[in-house]
PDB file of N, CA and C in Angstrom:
ATOM      1  N   MET A   1      -2.378 -11.879  10.178  1.00  0.00           N
ATOM      2  CA  MET A   1      -3.227 -11.299  10.437  1.00  0.00           C
ATOM      3  C   MET A   1      -4.672 -12.015  10.707  1.00  0.00           C
ATOM      4  N   TYR A   2      -4.980 -11.967  12.068  1.00  0.00           N
ATOM      5  CA  TYR A   2      -6.164 -12.759  12.193  1.00  0.00           C
ATOM      6  C   TYR A   2      -7.464 -12.509  11.009  1.00  0.00           C
ATOM      7  N   LYS A   3      -7.923 -13.258  10.354  1.00  0.00           N
ATOM      8  CA  LYS A   3      -8.903 -12.745   9.649  1.00  0.00           C
ATOM      9  C   LYS A   3      -9.779 -11.610  10.460  1.00  0.00           C
ATOM     10  N   ARG A   4     -10.095 -10.638   9.550  1.00  0.00           N
ATOM     11  CA  ARG A   4     -11.303  -9.423   9.915  1.00  0.00           C
ATOM     12  C   ARG A   4     -10.505  -8.260  11.085  1.00  0.00           C
ATOM     13  N   GLN A   5      -8.824  -8.911  11.023  1.00  0.00           N
ATOM     14  CA  GLN A   5      -8.006  -7.882  11.751  1.00  0.00           C
ATOM     15  C   GLN A   5      -7.488  -7.162  10.689  1.00  0.00           C
ATOM     16  N   GLU A   6      -7.009  -5.628  10.358  1.00  0.00           N
ATOM     17  CA  GLU A   6      -6.091  -5.174  10.136  1.00  0.00           C
ATOM     18  C   GLU A   6      -5.370  -4.587  10.121  1.00  0.00           C
ATOM     19  N   LYS A   7      -4.348  -5.023   9.223  1.00  0.00           N
ATOM     20  CA  LYS A   7      -2.880  -4.457   8.937  1.00  0.00           C
ATOM     21  C   LYS A   7      -2.249  -3.805   7.976  1.00  0.00           C
ATOM     22  N   TYR A   8      -1.516  -3.236   8.092  1.00  0.00           N
ATOM     23  CA  TYR A   8      -0.539  -1.927   7.784  1.00  0.00           C
ATOM     24  C   TYR A   8       0.412  -2.418   6.638  1.00  0.00           C
ATOM     25  N   PRO A   9       0.519  -2.894   5.483  1.00  0.00           N
ATOM     26  CA  PRO A   9       1.337  -3.457   4.756  1.00  0.00           C
ATOM     27  C   PRO A   9       1.903  -2.118   3.953  1.00  0.00           C
ATOM     28  N   GLY A  10       3.392  -1.832   3.778  1.00  0.00           N
ATOM     29  CA  GLY A  10       4.174  -0.756   3.350  1.00  0.00           C
ATOM     30  C   GLY A  10       5.475  -1.176   3.039  1.00  0.00           C
ATOM     31  N   VAL A  11       6.076  -0.148   2.144  1.00  0.00           N
ATOM     32  CA  VAL A  11       7.684  -0.396   1.697  1.00  0.00           C
ATOM     33  C   VAL A  11       8.059   0.758   1.797  1.00  0.00           C
ATOM     34  N   LYS A  12       9.601   0.742   1.807  1.00  0.00           N
ATOM     35  CA  LYS A  12      10.318   1.756   2.015  1.00  0.00           C
ATOM     36  C   LYS A  12      10.521   2.381   0.830  1.00  0.00           C
ATOM     37  N   VAL A  13      10.538   3.635   0.589  1.00  0.00           N
ATOM     38  CA  VAL A  13      11.102   4.562  -0.686  1.00  0.00           C
ATOM     39  C   VAL A  13      12.499   5.657  -0.650  1.00  0.00           C
ATOM     40  N   GLY A  14      12.709   4.744  -1.772  1.00  0.00           N
ATOM     41  CA  GLY A  14      13.705   5.370  -1.598  1.00  0.00           C
ATOM     42  C   GLY A  14      14.551   5.994  -3.494  1.00  0.00           C
ATOM     43  N   ASN A  15      15.821   6.433  -3.229  1.00  0.00           N
ATOM     44  CA  ASN A  15      15.999   7.547  -4.123  1.00  0.00           C
ATOM     45  C   ASN A  15      17.349   6.978  -5.266  1.00  0.00           C
ATOM     46  N   ASN A  16      17.545   7.145  -6.573  1.00  0.00           N
ATOM     47  CA  ASN A  16      18.588   6.215  -6.813  1.00  0.00           C
ATOM     48  C   ASN A  16      19.677   7.732  -7.525  1.00  0.00           C
ATOM     49  N   GLY A  17      19.225   8.973  -6.916  1.00  0.00           N
ATOM     50  CA  GLY A  17      20.282   9.877  -6.976  1.00  0.00           C
ATOM     51  C   GLY A  17      19.146  10.720  -7.693  1.00  0.00           C
ATOM     52  N   ALA A  18      18.215  10.655  -8.917  1.00  0.00           N
ATOM     53  CA  ALA A  18      17.690  11.596  -9.162  1.00  0.00           C
ATOM     54  C   ALA A  18      17.337  12.868  -9.109  1.00  0.00           C
ATOM     55  N   ARG A  19      16.976  13.660  -9.141  1.00  0.00           N
ATOM     56  CA  ARG A  19      16.983  15.443  -8.685  1.00  0.00           C
ATOM     57  C   ARG A  19      15.719  15.441  -9.450  1.00  0.00           C
ATOM     58  N   ASN A  20      14.915  16.236  -8.694  1.00  0.00           N
ATOM     59  CA  ASN A  20      13.734  16.901  -8.721  1.00  0.00           C
ATOM     60  C   ASN A  20      12.854  15.714  -9.832  1.00  0.00           C
ATOM     61  N   VAL A  21      12.251  14.730  -8.607  1.00  0.00           N
ATOM     62  CA  VAL A  21      11.722  13.911  -8.958  1.00  0.00           C
ATOM     63  C   VAL A  21      10.070  14.231  -8.724  1.00  0.00           C
ATOM     64  N   PRO A  22       9.390  13.591  -9.890  1.00  0.00           N
ATOM     65  CA  PRO A  22       8.119  14.337 -10.303  1.00  0.00           C
ATOM     66  C   PRO A  22       7.233  13.655  -9.181  1.00  0.00           C
ATOM     67  N   LEU A  23       5.637  14.510  -9.432  1.00  0.00           N
ATOM     68  CA  LEU A  23       4.916  13.230  -8.721  1.00  0.00           C
ATOM     69  C   LEU A  23       4.526  12.103  -9.230  1.00  0.00           C
ATOM     70  N   GLN A  24       4.254  10.959  -8.412  1.00  0.00           N
ATOM     71  CA  GLN A  24       3.914   9.231  -9.515  1.00  0.00           C
ATOM     72  C   GLN A  24       2.571   9.058  -8.861  1.00  0.00           C
ATOM     73  N   THR A  25       2.349   8.309  -9.838  1.00  0.00           N
ATOM     74  CA  THR A  25       1.353   7.294  -9.375  1.00  0.00           C
ATOM     75  C   THR A  25       1.620   5.859  -9.497  1.00  0.00           C
ATOM     76  N   ILE A  26       0.847   5.462  -7.620  1.00  0.00           N
ATOM     77  CA  ILE A  26       1.277   4.528  -7.384  1.00  0.00           C
ATOM     78  C   ILE A  26      -0.182   3.845  -7.314  1.00  0.00           C
ATOM     79  N   SER A  27       0.313   2.218  -7.548  1.00  0.00           N
ATOM     80  CA  SER A  27      -0.841   1.134  -7.219  1.00  0.00           C
ATOM     81  C   SER A  27      -0.733  -0.236  -6.444  1.00  0.00           C
ATOM     82  N   ALA A  28      -1.255  -0.014  -5.441  1.00  0.00           N
ATOM     83  CA  ALA A  28      -0.941  -1.340  -4.531  1.00  0.00           C
ATOM     84  C   ALA A  28      -2.318  -2.090  -5.175  1.00  0.00           C
ATOM     85  N   VAL A  29      -1.737  -3.533  -4.834  1.00  0.00           N
ATOM     86  CA  VAL A  29      -2.049  -4.832  -5.449  1.00  0.00           C
ATOM     87  C   VAL A  29      -2.896  -6.280  -4.476  1.00  0.00           C
ATOM     88  N   LEU A  30      -3.272  -6.549  -3.877  1.00  0.00           N
ATOM     89  CA  LEU A  30      -3.728  -7.395  -3.592  1.00  0.00           C
ATOM     90  C   LEU A  30      -3.214  -8.518  -4.069  1.00  0.00           C
ATOM     91  N   PRO A  31      -2.892 -10.147  -2.973  1.00  0.00           N
ATOM     92  CA  PRO A  31      -1.907 -10.854  -4.155  1.00  0.00           C
ATOM     93  C   PRO A  31      -3.095 -12.184  -4.351  1.00  0.00           C
ATOM     94  N   GLN A  32      -4.424 -11.913  -3.722  1.00  0.00           N
ATOM     95  CA  GLN A  32      -5.614 -12.715  -3.456  1.00  0.00           C
ATOM     96  C   GLN A  32      -6.981 -12.752  -2.905  1.00  0.00           C
ATOM     97  N   ALA A  33      -7.521 -13.501  -3.611  1.00  0.00           N
ATOM     98  CA  ALA A  33      -9.312 -13.591  -3.121  1.00  0.00           C
ATOM     99  C   ALA A  33      -9.011 -13.130  -1.849  1.00  0.00           C
ATOM    100  N   GLY A  34     -10.233 -12.935  -0.805  1.00  0.00           N
ATOM    101  CA  GLY A  34      -9.988 -12.840   0.482  1.00  0.00           C
ATOM    102  C   GLY A  34      -9.319 -11.922   1.389  1.00  0.00           C
ATOM    103  N   LEU A  35      -8.649 -11.248   0.582  1.00  0.00           N
ATOM    104  CA  LEU A  35      -8.173  -9.867   0.914  1.00  0.00           C
ATOM    105  C   LEU A  35      -8.851  -8.422   0.798  1.00  0.00           C
ATOM    106  N   ARG A  36      -9.346  -6.993   1.351  1.00  0.00           N
ATOM    107  CA  ARG A  36      -9.996  -6.156   0.816  1.00  0.00           C
ATOM    108  C   ARG A  36      -8.832  -5.130   1.596  1.00  0.00           C
ATOM    109  N   PHE A  37      -9.211  -3.920   0.922  1.00  0.00           N
ATOM    110  CA  PHE A  37      -8.390  -2.861   1.151  1.00  0.00           C
ATOM    111  C   PHE A  37      -9.544  -2.218   2.478  1.00  0.00           C
ATOM    112  N   GLY A  38      -8.579  -1.705   3.723  1.00  0.00           N
ATOM    113  CA  GLY A  38      -9.597  -1.208   4.441  1.00  0.00           C
ATOM    114  C   GLY A  38      -9.656  -2.230   5.627  1.00  0.00           C
ATOM    115  N   GLY A  39     -10.741  -2.324   6.780  1.00  0.00           N
ATOM    116  CA  GLY A  39     -10.946  -2.916   7.597  1.00  0.00           C
ATOM    117  C   GLY A  39     -12.212  -3.482   8.217  1.00  0.00           C
ATOM    118  N   PRO A  40     -11.952  -3.903   8.978  1.00  0.00           N
ATOM    119  CA  PRO A  40     -13.398  -4.870   8.852  1.00  0.00           C
ATOM    120  C   PRO A  40     -14.654  -4.266   9.096  1.00  0.00           C
ATOM    121  N   HIS A  41     -14.326  -2.942   8.867  1.00  0.00           N
ATOM    122  CA  HIS A  41     -15.599  -2.367   9.234  1.00  0.00           C
ATOM    123  C   HIS A  41     -15.918  -1.380   8.256  1.00  0.00           C
ATOM    124  N   GLY A  42     -15.269  -1.368   7.495  1.00  0.00           N
ATOM    125  CA  GLY A  42     -15.009  -1.081   5.917  1.00  0.00           C
ATOM    126  C   GLY A  42     -14.161  -0.586   4.880  1.00  0.00           C
ATOM    127  N   PRO A  43     -14.064   0.063   3.434  1.00  0.00           N
ATOM    128  CA  PRO A  43     -13.054   0.429   2.802  1.00  0.00           C
ATOM    129  C   PRO A  43     -12.285   1.032   3.526  1.00  0.00           C
ATOM    130  N   ASP A  44     -10.943   1.254   3.146  1.00  0.00           N
ATOM    131  CA  ASP A  44     -10.370   2.212   2.977  1.00  0.00           C
ATOM    132  C   ASP A  44      -9.429   2.525   1.792  1.00  0.00           C
ATOM    133  N   HIS A  45      -9.856   3.524   1.132  1.00  0.00           N
ATOM    134  CA  HIS A  45      -9.085   3.880  -0.486  1.00  0.00           C
ATOM    135  C   HIS A  45      -8.033   5.442  -0.020  1.00  0.00           C
ATOM    136  N   GLN A  46      -7.379   4.634   1.072  1.00  0.00           N
ATOM    137  CA  GLN A  46      -6.344   5.870   1.229  1.00  0.00           C
ATOM    138  C   GLN A  46      -4.506   4.619   0.816  1.00  0.00           C
ATOM    139  N   LEU A  47      -4.092   6.220   0.600  1.00  0.00           N
ATOM    140  CA  LEU A  47      -2.659   5.448   0.711  1.00  0.00           C
ATOM    141  C   LEU A  47      -1.670   6.390   1.829  1.00  0.00           C
ATOM    142  N   THR A  48      -0.657   5.991   3.104  1.00  0.00           N
ATOM    143  CA  THR A  48      -0.165   7.015   3.741  1.00  0.00           C
ATOM    144  C   THR A  48       1.220   6.963   3.235  1.00  0.00           C
ATOM    145  N   VAL A  49       1.806   8.246   3.349  1.00  0.00           N
ATOM    146  CA  VAL A  49       2.891   8.526   2.984  1.00  0.00           C
ATOM    147  C   VAL A  49       3.589   9.135   4.311  1.00  0.00           C
ATOM    148  N   MET A  50       4.675   8.266   4.743  1.00  0.00           N
ATOM    149  CA  MET A  50       4.940   9.041   5.943  1.00  0.00           C
ATOM    150  C   MET A  50       6.540   9.384   5.518  1.00  0.00           C
ATOM    151  N   VAL A  51       6.891  10.804   5.792  1.00  0.00           N
ATOM    152  CA  VAL A  51       8.005  11.642   5.570  1.00  0.00           C
ATOM    153  C   VAL A  51       8.132  11.790   6.757  1.00  0.00           C
ATOM    154  N   ASN A  52       9.838  11.188   7.003  1.00  0.00           N
ATOM    155  CA  ASN A  52      10.515  11.702   8.455  1.00  0.00           C
ATOM    156  C   ASN A  52       9.532  11.868   9.577  1.00  0.00           C
ATOM    157  N   GLY A  53       8.266  10.890   9.702  1.00  0.00           N
ATOM    158  CA  GLY A  53       7.390  11.149  11.336  1.00  0.00           C
ATOM    159  C   GLY A  53       6.590  11.726  10.592  1.00  0.00           C
ATOM    160  N   THR A  54       6.108  12.620   9.526  1.00  0.00           N
ATOM    161  CA  THR A  54       4.887  13.403   9.433  1.00  0.00           C
ATOM    162  C   THR A  54       4.423  12.623   8.096  1.00  0.00           C
ATOM    163  N   ASN A  55       2.806  12.269   8.350  1.00  0.00           N
ATOM    164  CA  ASN A  55       1.661  11.772   7.443  1.00  0.00           C
ATOM    165  C   ASN A  55       1.129  12.662   6.363  1.00  0.00           C
ATOM    166  N   ARG A  56       1.690  11.957   5.455  1.00  0.00           N
ATOM    167  CA  ARG A  56       0.506  12.294   4.256  1.00  0.00           C
ATOM    168  C   ARG A  56      -0.309  11.435   3.726  1.00  0.00           C
ATOM    169  N   VAL A  57      -1.563  11.677   3.168  1.00  0.00           N
ATOM    170  CA  VAL A  57      -2.427  11.183   3.246  1.00  0.00           C
ATOM    171  C   VAL A  57      -2.857  11.231   1.429  1.00  0.00           C
ATOM    172  N   TYR A  58      -2.962  10.337   0.605  1.00  0.00           N
ATOM    173  CA  TYR A  58      -3.284  10.443  -0.974  1.00  0.00           C
ATOM    174  C   TYR A  58      -4.787   9.596  -0.768  1.00  0.00           C
ATOM    175  N   MET A  59      -6.202  10.156  -1.454  1.00  0.00           N
ATOM    176  CA  MET A  59      -7.100   9.016  -1.693  1.00  0.00           C
ATOM    177  C   MET A  59      -7.203   8.344  -3.001  1.00  0.00           C
ATOM    178  N   GLY A  60      -7.668   6.907  -2.859  1.00  0.00           N
ATOM    179  CA  GLY A  60      -6.944   6.497  -3.728  1.00  0.00           C
ATOM    180  C   GLY A  60      -8.673   6.118  -5.210  1.00  0.00           C
ATOM    181  N   THR A  61      -8.096   5.058  -6.091  1.00  0.00           N
ATOM    182  CA  THR A  61      -9.085   4.772  -6.574  1.00  0.00           C
ATOM    183  C   THR A  61      -9.307   2.982  -6.698  1.00  0.00           C
ATOM    184  N   ILE A  62     -10.391   2.897  -6.371  1.00  0.00           N
ATOM    185  CA  ILE A  62     -10.090   1.016  -6.420  1.00  0.00           C
ATOM    186  C   ILE A  62     -10.762   0.615  -8.027  1.00  0.00           C
ATOM    187  N   SER A  63     -10.226  -0.344  -8.133  1.00  0.00           N
ATOM    188  CA  SER A  63     -10.486  -0.696  -9.323  1.00  0.00           C
ATOM    189  C   SER A  63     -12.097  -1.854  -9.174  1.00  0.00           C
ATOM    190  N   ALA A  64     -12.647  -2.029 -10.966  1.00  0.00           N
ATOM    191  CA  ALA A  64     -14.031  -2.361 -10.197  1.00  0.00           C
ATOM    192  C   ALA A  64     -14.152  -4.492  -9.600  1.00  0.00           C
ATOM    193  N   ASP A  65     -12.496  -4.688  -9.085  1.00  0.00           N
ATOM    194  CA  ASP A  65     -12.839  -6.254  -8.773  1.00  0.00           C
ATOM    195  C   ASP A  65     -12.533  -5.977  -7.512  1.00  0.00           C
ATOM    196  N   GLY A  66     -11.927  -5.064  -6.975  1.00  0.00           N
ATOM    197  CA  GLY A  66     -12.350  -4.383  -5.783  1.00  0.00           C
ATOM    198  C   GLY A  66     -10.042  -5.168  -5.359  1.00  0.00           C
ATOM    199  N   SER A  67      -9.570  -5.538  -6.581  1.00  0.00           N
ATOM    200  CA  SER A  67      -7.802  -6.068  -6.304  1.00  0.00           C
ATOM    201  C   SER A  67      -6.457  -4.764  -6.439  1.00  0.00           C
ATOM    202  N   THR A  68      -7.199  -3.563  -7.042  1.00  0.00           N
ATOM    203  CA  THR A  68      -6.152  -2.595  -7.340  1.00  0.00           C
ATOM    204  C   THR A  68      -6.232  -1.254  -6.808  1.00  0.00           C
ATOM    205  N   LEU A  69      -5.523  -0.722  -5.966  1.00  0.00           N
ATOM    206  CA  LEU A  69      -6.079   0.512  -5.598  1.00  0.00           C
ATOM    207  C   LEU A  69      -4.986   1.337  -6.459  1.00  0.00           C
ATOM    208  N   THR A  70      -5.074   2.857  -7.074  1.00  0.00           N
ATOM    209  CA  THR A  70      -4.352   3.870  -7.707  1.00  0.00           C
ATOM    210  C   THR A  70      -4.346   4.905  -7.226  1.00  0.00           C
ATOM    211  N   PHE A  71      -3.274   5.939  -7.162  1.00  0.00           N
ATOM    212  CA  PHE A  71      -3.372   7.075  -6.462  1.00  0.00           C
ATOM    213  C   PHE A  71      -2.032   7.773  -7.535  1.00  0.00           C
ATOM    214  N   THR A  72      -2.950   8.808  -7.516  1.00  0.00           N
ATOM    215  CA  THR A  72      -2.048  10.032  -8.840  1.00  0.00           C
ATOM    216  C   THR A  72      -1.479  10.864  -7.776  1.00  0.00           C
ATOM    217  N   ASP A  73      -0.644  11.596  -8.492  1.00  0.00           N
ATOM    218  CA  ASP A  73       0.381  12.760  -7.974  1.00  0.00           C
ATOM    219  C   ASP A  73       0.549  12.517  -6.416  1.00  0.00           C
ATOM    220  N   VAL A  74       1.124  11.391  -6.364  1.00  0.00           N
ATOM    221  CA  VAL A  74       1.693  11.103  -5.235  1.00  0.00           C
ATOM    222  C   VAL A  74       3.117  11.839  -5.247  1.00  0.00           C
ATOM    223  N   ASP A  75       3.267  12.290  -3.908  1.00  0.00           N
ATOM    224  CA  ASP A  75       4.891  13.060  -3.938  1.00  0.00           C
ATOM    225  C   ASP A  75       5.556  12.332  -2.668  1.00  0.00           C
ATOM    226  N   LEU A  76       6.138  11.549  -2.618  1.00  0.00           N
ATOM    227  CA  LEU A  76       7.317  10.587  -2.126  1.00  0.00           C
ATOM    228  C   LEU A  76       8.639  11.807  -1.397  1.00  0.00           C
ATOM    229  N   ALA A  77       8.656  12.719  -1.716  1.00  0.00           N
ATOM    230  CA  ALA A  77       9.684  13.168  -0.906  1.00  0.00           C
ATOM    231  C   ALA A  77      11.082  12.477  -0.969  1.00  0.00           C
ATOM    232  N   VAL A  78      11.319  11.695  -1.696  1.00  0.00           N
ATOM    233  CA  VAL A  78      12.286  10.816  -1.729  1.00  0.00           C
ATOM    234  C   VAL A  78      13.966  11.462  -1.471  1.00  0.00           C
ATOM    235  N   GLY A  79      14.006  12.937  -1.096  1.00  0.00           N
ATOM    236  CA  GLY A  79      15.248  13.602  -0.867  1.00  0.00           C
ATOM    237  C   GLY A  79      15.383  12.934   0.929  1.00  0.00           C
ATOM    238  N   ALA A  80      14.041  12.696   1.832  1.00  0.00           N
ATOM    239  CA  ALA A  80      14.052  12.687   3.097  1.00  0.00           C
ATOM    240  C   ALA A  80      14.803  11.698   3.298  1.00  0.00           C
ATOM    241  N   GLU A  81      14.978  11.796   4.644  1.00  0.00           N
ATOM    242  CA  GLU A  81      15.906  10.781   5.327  1.00  0.00           C
ATOM    243  C   GLU A  81      14.903   9.871   5.395  1.00  0.00           C
ATOM    244  N   LYS A  82      13.726   9.479   5.684  1.00  0.00           N
ATOM    245  CA  LYS A  82      13.134   8.491   5.942  1.00  0.00           C
ATOM    246  C   LYS A  82      11.485   8.593   5.316  1.00  0.00           C
ATOM    247  N   THR A  83      11.466   7.524   3.905  1.00  0.00           N
ATOM    248  CA  THR A  83       9.900   7.726   2.977  1.00  0.00           C
ATOM    249  C   THR A  83       9.784   6.515   3.652  1.00  0.00           C
ATOM    250  N   VAL A  84       7.860   5.648   4.289  1.00  0.00           N
ATOM    251  CA  VAL A  84       7.663   4.816   3.600  1.00  0.00           C
ATOM    252  C   VAL A  84       6.396   5.305   3.659  1.00  0.00           C
ATOM    253  N   MET A  85       5.455   4.090   2.556  1.00  0.00           N
ATOM    254  CA  MET A  85       4.366   4.333   2.087  1.00  0.00           C
ATOM    255  C   MET A  85       3.474   2.791   2.585  1.00  0.00           C
ATOM    256  N   PHE A  86       2.519   3.105   3.074  1.00  0.00           N
ATOM    257  CA  PHE A  86       1.121   1.990   3.220  1.00  0.00           C
ATOM    258  C   PHE A  86      -0.407   2.365   3.058  1.00  0.00           C
ATOM    259  N   VAL A  87      -0.812   0.879   3.100  1.00  0.00           N
ATOM    260  CA  VAL A  87      -2.166   1.179   3.009  1.00  0.00           C
ATOM    261  C   VAL A  87      -2.582   0.054   4.168  1.00  0.00           C
ATOM    262  N   CYS A  88      -4.432   0.103   4.387  1.00  0.00           N
ATOM    263  CA  CYS A  88      -4.861  -0.997   5.212  1.00  0.00           C
ATOM    264  C   CYS A  88      -5.260  -1.757   4.476  1.00  0.00           C
ATOM    265  N   VAL A  89      -5.400  -3.725   5.107  1.00  0.00           N
ATOM    266  CA  VAL A  89      -5.719  -4.109   4.580  1.00  0.00           C
ATOM    267  C   VAL A  89      -6.208  -5.485   5.524  1.00  0.00           C
ATOM    268  N   SER A  90      -7.542  -5.855   5.411  1.00  0.00           N
ATOM    269  CA  SER A  90      -7.740  -6.942   5.865  1.00  0.00           C
ATOM    270  C   SER A  90      -8.086  -8.240   5.469  1.00  0.00           C
ATOM    271  N   ALA A  91      -8.158  -9.477   6.409  1.00  0.00           N
ATOM    272  CA  ALA A  91      -8.639 -10.833   5.540  1.00  0.00           C
ATOM    273  C   ALA A  91     -10.144 -10.820   5.984  1.00  0.00           C
ATOM    274  N   THR A  92     -10.841 -11.376   4.967  1.00  0.00           N
ATOM    275  CA  THR A  92     -12.075 -11.648   5.149  1.00  0.00           C
ATOM    276  C   THR A  92     -12.155 -13.459   5.632  1.00  0.00           C
ATOM    277  N   GLU A  93     -13.505 -13.850   5.690  1.00  0.00           N
ATOM    278  CA  GLU A  93     -12.987 -15.295   6.579  1.00  0.00           C
ATOM    279  C   GLU A  93     -12.689 -16.435   5.625  1.00  0.00           C
ATOM    280  N   ASP A  94     -13.211 -16.063   4.458  1.00  0.00           N
ATOM    281  CA  ASP A  94     -12.753 -17.047   3.198  1.00  0.00           C
ATOM    282  C   ASP A  94     -11.389 -16.961   2.609  1.00  0.00           C
ATOM    283  N   ALA A  95     -10.479 -16.114   3.462  1.00  0.00           N
ATOM    284  CA  ALA A  95      -9.035 -15.256   2.966  1.00  0.00           C
ATOM    285  C   ALA A  95      -8.460 -17.004   2.873  1.00  0.00           C
ATOM    286  N   LEU A  96      -7.512 -17.269   1.999  1.00  0.00           N
ATOM    287  CA  LEU A  96      -6.398 -17.952   2.211  1.00  0.00           C
ATOM    288  C   LEU A  96      -5.389 -17.960   3.641  1.00  0.00           C
ATOM    289  N   THR A  97      -5.199 -19.045   4.145  1.00  0.00           N
ATOM    290  CA  THR A  97      -3.914 -18.525   5.367  1.00  0.00           C
ATOM    291  C   THR A  97      -2.762 -19.015   4.885  1.00  0.00           C
ATOM    292  N   GLY A  98      -2.097 -18.228   5.376  1.00  0.00           N
ATOM    293  CA  GLY A  98      -0.432 -18.303   5.260  1.00  0.00           C
ATOM    294  C   GLY A  98       0.512 -16.857   4.663  1.00  0.00           C
ATOM    295  N   PRO A  99       1.194 -16.747   4.563  1.00  0.00           N
ATOM    296  CA  PRO A  99       2.064 -15.400   4.286  1.00  0.00           C
ATOM    297  C   PRO A  99       1.367 -14.671   3.372  1.00  0.00           C
ATOM    298  N   THR A 100       1.698 -13.687   2.996  1.00  0.00           N
ATOM    299  CA  THR A 100       1.162 -12.671   1.652  1.00  0.00           C
ATOM    300  C   THR A 100       1.657 -11.069   2.142  1.00  0.00           C
ATOM    301  N   ASN A 101       1.619 -10.944   0.894  1.00  0.00           N
ATOM    302  CA  ASN A 101       1.906  -9.577   0.560  1.00  0.00           C
ATOM    303  C   ASN A 101       1.364  -8.750  -0.306  1.00  0.00           C
ATOM    304  N   VAL A 102       1.314  -7.389  -0.394  1.00  0.00           N
ATOM    305  CA  VAL A 102       0.711  -6.424  -1.396  1.00  0.00           C
ATOM    306  C   VAL A 102       2.112  -6.200  -2.216  1.00  0.00           C
ATOM    307  N   ALA A 103       1.752  -5.810  -3.354  1.00  0.00           N
ATOM    308  CA  ALA A 103       2.728  -5.248  -4.526  1.00  0.00           C
ATOM    309  C   ALA A 103       2.248  -4.118  -4.484  1.00  0.00           C
ATOM    310  N   PHE A 104       3.395  -3.215  -4.727  1.00  0.00           N
ATOM    311  CA  PHE A 104       2.966  -1.703  -4.777  1.00  0.00           C
ATOM    312  C   PHE A 104       4.357  -1.579  -5.480  1.00  0.00           C
ATOM    313  N   THR A 105       3.096  -0.613  -6.561  1.00  0.00           N
ATOM    314  CA  THR A 105       4.281  -0.005  -8.029  1.00  0.00           C
ATOM    315  C   THR A 105       4.452   1.496  -8.042  1.00  0.00           C
ATOM    316  N   VAL A 106       5.099   1.942  -8.297  1.00  0.00           N
ATOM    317  CA  VAL A 106       5.982   3.037  -8.360  1.00  0.00           C
ATOM    318  C   VAL A 106       6.571   3.220  -9.963  1.00  0.00           C
ATOM    319  N   GLY A 107       5.161   4.174 -10.930  1.00  0.00           N
ATOM    320  CA  GLY A 107       6.063   4.099 -12.217  1.00  0.00           C
ATOM    321  C   GLY A 107       5.931   2.543 -12.155  1.00  0.00           C
ATOM    322  N   ASN A 108       7.513   2.376 -13.042  1.00  0.00           N
ATOM    323  CA  ASN A 108       7.850   1.082 -13.512  1.00  0.00           C
ATOM    324  C   ASN A 108       8.438   0.356 -12.664  1.00  0.00           C
ATOM    325  N   GLN A 109       8.483   0.194 -11.705  1.00  0.00           N
ATOM    326  CA  GLN A 109       9.265  -0.363 -10.536  1.00  0.00           C
ATOM    327  C   GLN A 109       8.703  -0.716  -9.105  1.00  0.00           C
ATOM    328  N   ALA A 110       8.373  -2.123  -9.243  1.00  0.00           N
ATOM    329  CA  ALA A 110       7.374  -2.804  -8.719  1.00  0.00           C
ATOM    330  C   ALA A 110       8.385  -3.538  -7.255  1.00  0.00           C
ATOM    331  N   SER A 111       7.822  -3.665  -6.131  1.00  0.00           N
ATOM    332  CA  SER A 111       8.009  -4.160  -5.238  1.00  0.00           C
ATOM    333  C   SER A 111       7.649  -4.410  -4.177  1.00  0.00           C
ATOM    334  N   PRO A 112       7.546  -5.896  -3.054  1.00  0.00           N
ATOM    335  CA  PRO A 112       6.343  -6.533  -2.419  1.00  0.00           C
ATOM    336  C   PRO A 112       6.418  -5.649  -1.217  1.00  0.00           C
ATOM    337  N   SER A 113       5.156  -5.843  -0.296  1.00  0.00           N
ATOM    338  CA  SER A 113       4.858  -5.040   0.916  1.00  0.00           C
ATOM    339  C   SER A 113       6.358  -6.136   1.821  1.00  0.00           C
ATOM    340  N   ASN A 114       5.681  -5.594   3.112  1.00  0.00           N
ATOM    341  CA  ASN A 114       6.535  -6.505   4.563  1.00  0.00           C
ATOM    342  C   ASN A 114       5.385  -7.220   4.340  1.00  0.00           C
ATOM    343  N   MET A 115       5.947  -8.335   4.505  1.00  0.00           N
ATOM    344  CA  MET A 115       5.220 -10.121   4.438  1.00  0.00           C
ATOM    345  C   MET A 115       4.106  -9.885   6.107  1.00  0.00           C
ATOM    346  N   MET A 116       2.752 -10.319   5.360  1.00  0.00           N
ATOM    347  CA  MET A 116       2.262 -10.186   6.411  1.00  0.00           C
ATOM    348  C   MET A 116       1.748 -11.923   6.985  1.00  0.00           C
ATOM    349  N   THR A 117       0.874 -12.388   7.736  1.00  0.00           N
ATOM    350  CA  THR A 117       0.347 -14.059   7.803  1.00  0.00           C
ATOM    351  C   THR A 117      -1.114 -14.270   8.095  1.00  0.00           C
ATOM    352  N   VAL A 118      -1.401 -14.094   7.352  1.00  0.00           N
ATOM    353  CA  VAL A 118      -3.488 -14.447   7.304  1.00  0.00           C
ATOM    354  C   VAL A 118      -3.671 -16.215   8.333  1.00  0.00           C
ATOM    355  N   THR A 119      -3.978 -16.027   9.659  1.00  0.00           N
ATOM    356  CA  THR A 119      -4.332 -17.364   9.981  1.00  0.00           C
ATOM    357  C   THR A 119      -5.667 -17.297  10.495  1.00  0.00           C
TER     358      THR A 119
END
C-alpha cells in the first residue's frame, strides 16, 4: 500500500463442525507503528463481515494506543458458504516499508490477514 492509501486486510472464516456458534468477540491488531485503522481522511473503527456477498458492519472500540480494535457480539455466520471479515487500514508517512499484515483473533484463535506491502 502506498503511504496514506487505504487497504482492507481480512481473513476467511470457517467452522470446525461446531453447531450453534455463539456471537463472537473479535480483535484486530496492527503489527507496527505508522499504521492506523481507517483511511487517510480519518479513523474507521468498523469490521465488515461479508456473508455470501452481503455485508454486515460492526462498530468497534479502539485501544488507548490505537493499535487494537475490539468488536463484540459479532455473528460470523460460520455455516455460510463463504464468510470473510476485514477492516480498513492506512499507512502514515512514518510507516516502515515492506510486507505486513493485521492479526485477527476470534475467541482464542488467531490468524494473520492477507499480506499488505507498505511502499
